Each structure stands twice: as structure tokens, then as C-alpha cells.
N, C-alpha and C. Protein backbone atom coordinates (compact mmCIF):
# COMPACT_ATOMS: atom_id res chain seq x y z
N MET A 1 21.36 -4.03 -46.10
CA MET A 1 21.37 -4.56 -47.43
C MET A 1 21.25 -3.41 -48.40
N ARG A 2 22.13 -3.37 -49.33
CA ARG A 2 22.07 -2.35 -50.37
C ARG A 2 21.31 -2.92 -51.56
N THR A 3 20.21 -2.28 -51.87
CA THR A 3 19.35 -2.81 -52.93
C THR A 3 19.78 -2.37 -54.32
N TYR A 4 20.68 -1.38 -54.40
CA TYR A 4 21.19 -0.92 -55.68
C TYR A 4 22.70 -0.82 -55.61
N ASN A 5 23.35 -1.36 -56.61
CA ASN A 5 24.80 -1.27 -56.70
C ASN A 5 25.17 -1.15 -58.18
N PRO A 6 25.60 0.02 -58.63
CA PRO A 6 25.92 0.20 -60.05
C PRO A 6 27.08 -0.67 -60.52
N LEU A 7 27.84 -1.23 -59.60
CA LEU A 7 28.95 -2.10 -59.99
C LEU A 7 28.48 -3.49 -60.38
N ARG A 8 27.24 -3.84 -60.00
CA ARG A 8 26.66 -5.12 -60.44
C ARG A 8 26.06 -4.89 -61.82
N LYS A 9 26.87 -5.03 -62.83
CA LYS A 9 26.47 -4.67 -64.19
C LYS A 9 25.29 -5.49 -64.70
N ALA A 10 25.28 -6.78 -64.45
CA ALA A 10 24.22 -7.64 -64.97
C ALA A 10 22.87 -7.32 -64.33
N GLN A 11 22.88 -7.00 -63.04
CA GLN A 11 21.63 -6.72 -62.33
C GLN A 11 21.91 -5.73 -61.20
N PRO A 12 21.96 -4.43 -61.51
CA PRO A 12 22.30 -3.45 -60.48
C PRO A 12 21.25 -3.33 -59.37
N PHE A 13 19.98 -3.63 -59.69
CA PHE A 13 18.94 -3.61 -58.67
C PHE A 13 18.72 -5.03 -58.16
N LEU A 14 18.65 -5.18 -56.86
CA LEU A 14 18.50 -6.50 -56.27
C LEU A 14 17.11 -7.09 -56.53
N PHE A 15 16.10 -6.23 -56.60
CA PHE A 15 14.75 -6.70 -56.90
C PHE A 15 14.04 -5.66 -57.74
N GLY A 16 12.92 -6.06 -58.31
CA GLY A 16 12.22 -5.17 -59.22
C GLY A 16 10.72 -5.17 -58.98
N PRO A 17 9.99 -4.41 -59.78
CA PRO A 17 8.54 -4.34 -59.64
C PRO A 17 7.91 -5.72 -59.76
N GLY A 18 7.00 -6.02 -58.85
CA GLY A 18 6.30 -7.29 -58.87
C GLY A 18 7.00 -8.41 -58.12
N ASP A 19 8.24 -8.19 -57.70
CA ASP A 19 8.95 -9.21 -56.92
C ASP A 19 8.33 -9.33 -55.53
N TYR A 20 8.30 -10.53 -55.00
CA TYR A 20 7.89 -10.76 -53.63
C TYR A 20 9.14 -10.72 -52.76
N LEU A 21 9.05 -10.07 -51.60
CA LEU A 21 10.18 -9.99 -50.68
C LEU A 21 9.82 -10.72 -49.41
N ARG A 22 10.79 -11.43 -48.87
CA ARG A 22 10.60 -12.13 -47.60
C ARG A 22 11.77 -11.77 -46.70
N PHE A 23 11.46 -11.38 -45.48
CA PHE A 23 12.49 -10.99 -44.52
C PHE A 23 12.51 -11.98 -43.37
N HIS A 24 13.69 -12.23 -42.85
CA HIS A 24 13.87 -13.12 -41.72
C HIS A 24 14.48 -12.33 -40.57
N PRO A 25 13.99 -12.51 -39.36
CA PRO A 25 14.59 -11.80 -38.23
C PRO A 25 16.02 -12.30 -37.97
N ILE A 26 16.89 -11.38 -37.63
CA ILE A 26 18.28 -11.72 -37.28
C ILE A 26 18.65 -11.01 -35.99
N ASP A 27 19.60 -11.55 -35.27
CA ASP A 27 20.06 -10.90 -34.05
C ASP A 27 21.20 -9.92 -34.38
N GLU A 28 21.66 -9.23 -33.36
CA GLU A 28 22.68 -8.20 -33.57
C GLU A 28 23.99 -8.78 -34.10
N GLN A 29 24.36 -9.97 -33.63
CA GLN A 29 25.60 -10.59 -34.11
C GLN A 29 25.51 -10.90 -35.61
N GLU A 30 24.37 -11.42 -36.04
CA GLU A 30 24.19 -11.72 -37.47
C GLU A 30 24.18 -10.44 -38.29
N TYR A 31 23.56 -9.39 -37.75
CA TYR A 31 23.55 -8.10 -38.44
C TYR A 31 24.98 -7.62 -38.65
N ASP A 32 25.78 -7.67 -37.60
CA ASP A 32 27.17 -7.22 -37.69
C ASP A 32 27.95 -8.06 -38.70
N ARG A 33 27.71 -9.38 -38.72
CA ARG A 33 28.40 -10.26 -39.67
C ARG A 33 28.01 -9.91 -41.10
N GLN A 34 26.72 -9.69 -41.34
CA GLN A 34 26.28 -9.36 -42.69
C GLN A 34 26.76 -7.98 -43.12
N LEU A 35 26.78 -7.03 -42.20
CA LEU A 35 27.28 -5.70 -42.52
C LEU A 35 28.74 -5.76 -42.94
N GLN A 36 29.52 -6.52 -42.22
CA GLN A 36 30.94 -6.67 -42.56
C GLN A 36 31.09 -7.34 -43.93
N ALA A 37 30.26 -8.33 -44.21
CA ALA A 37 30.32 -9.01 -45.50
C ALA A 37 29.96 -8.06 -46.63
N VAL A 38 28.90 -7.26 -46.44
CA VAL A 38 28.48 -6.30 -47.46
C VAL A 38 29.57 -5.27 -47.71
N GLU A 39 30.18 -4.78 -46.65
CA GLU A 39 31.23 -3.77 -46.80
C GLU A 39 32.45 -4.32 -47.53
N SER A 40 32.62 -5.64 -47.52
CA SER A 40 33.75 -6.23 -48.25
C SER A 40 33.34 -6.64 -49.66
N GLY A 41 32.08 -6.35 -50.04
CA GLY A 41 31.64 -6.60 -51.41
C GLY A 41 30.80 -7.83 -51.61
N ALA A 42 30.52 -8.58 -50.55
CA ALA A 42 29.72 -9.80 -50.69
C ALA A 42 28.24 -9.47 -50.82
N LEU A 43 27.51 -10.36 -51.45
CA LEU A 43 26.06 -10.23 -51.56
C LEU A 43 25.45 -11.12 -50.48
N VAL A 44 24.69 -10.53 -49.56
CA VAL A 44 24.16 -11.30 -48.44
C VAL A 44 22.70 -11.68 -48.62
N ALA A 45 22.05 -11.19 -49.65
CA ALA A 45 20.66 -11.55 -49.93
C ALA A 45 20.63 -12.67 -50.96
N GLU A 46 19.57 -13.43 -50.95
CA GLU A 46 19.42 -14.52 -51.90
C GLU A 46 18.17 -14.30 -52.73
N ARG A 47 18.25 -14.64 -53.99
CA ARG A 47 17.07 -14.61 -54.87
C ARG A 47 16.55 -16.03 -54.98
N GLU A 48 15.24 -16.17 -54.98
CA GLU A 48 14.65 -17.47 -55.25
C GLU A 48 13.40 -17.24 -56.09
N ASP A 49 13.07 -18.19 -56.92
CA ASP A 49 11.89 -18.08 -57.76
C ASP A 49 10.66 -18.39 -56.93
N PHE A 50 9.61 -17.60 -57.11
CA PHE A 50 8.36 -17.80 -56.40
C PHE A 50 7.41 -18.55 -57.32
N HIS A 51 6.94 -19.66 -56.83
CA HIS A 51 5.99 -20.47 -57.60
C HIS A 51 4.69 -20.54 -56.81
N GLY A 52 3.85 -19.53 -56.96
CA GLY A 52 2.65 -19.46 -56.14
C GLY A 52 1.43 -19.61 -56.85
């Protein structure tokens, strides 16, 4: 996952100070699928609002 992309003009950084991050385990096949998607320009991470 690339956390910075200057081509994303509205929000070049995927997360910022104070954001909560949550990671999910993935297998090698899912990693390869996401890597291919990222290399083609897709965003594979999701943002969600934290209400804690």
C-alpha cells in the first residue's frame, strides 16, 4: 500500500496524524491481487470514520 501519492490531488496522504489504522491479515494470493491493482492505479485501502 502506498500511503503517499502526489497524483491524488485532493488527498495525497492516505492517512494523517491522529487517524486510527486497522490492518487485516491477507494471504499471498490476496497480496498479489492488491499489488497488481495498486500498480494499475487502483486504491486498495478503505477509509472509514471512527466513532469511539
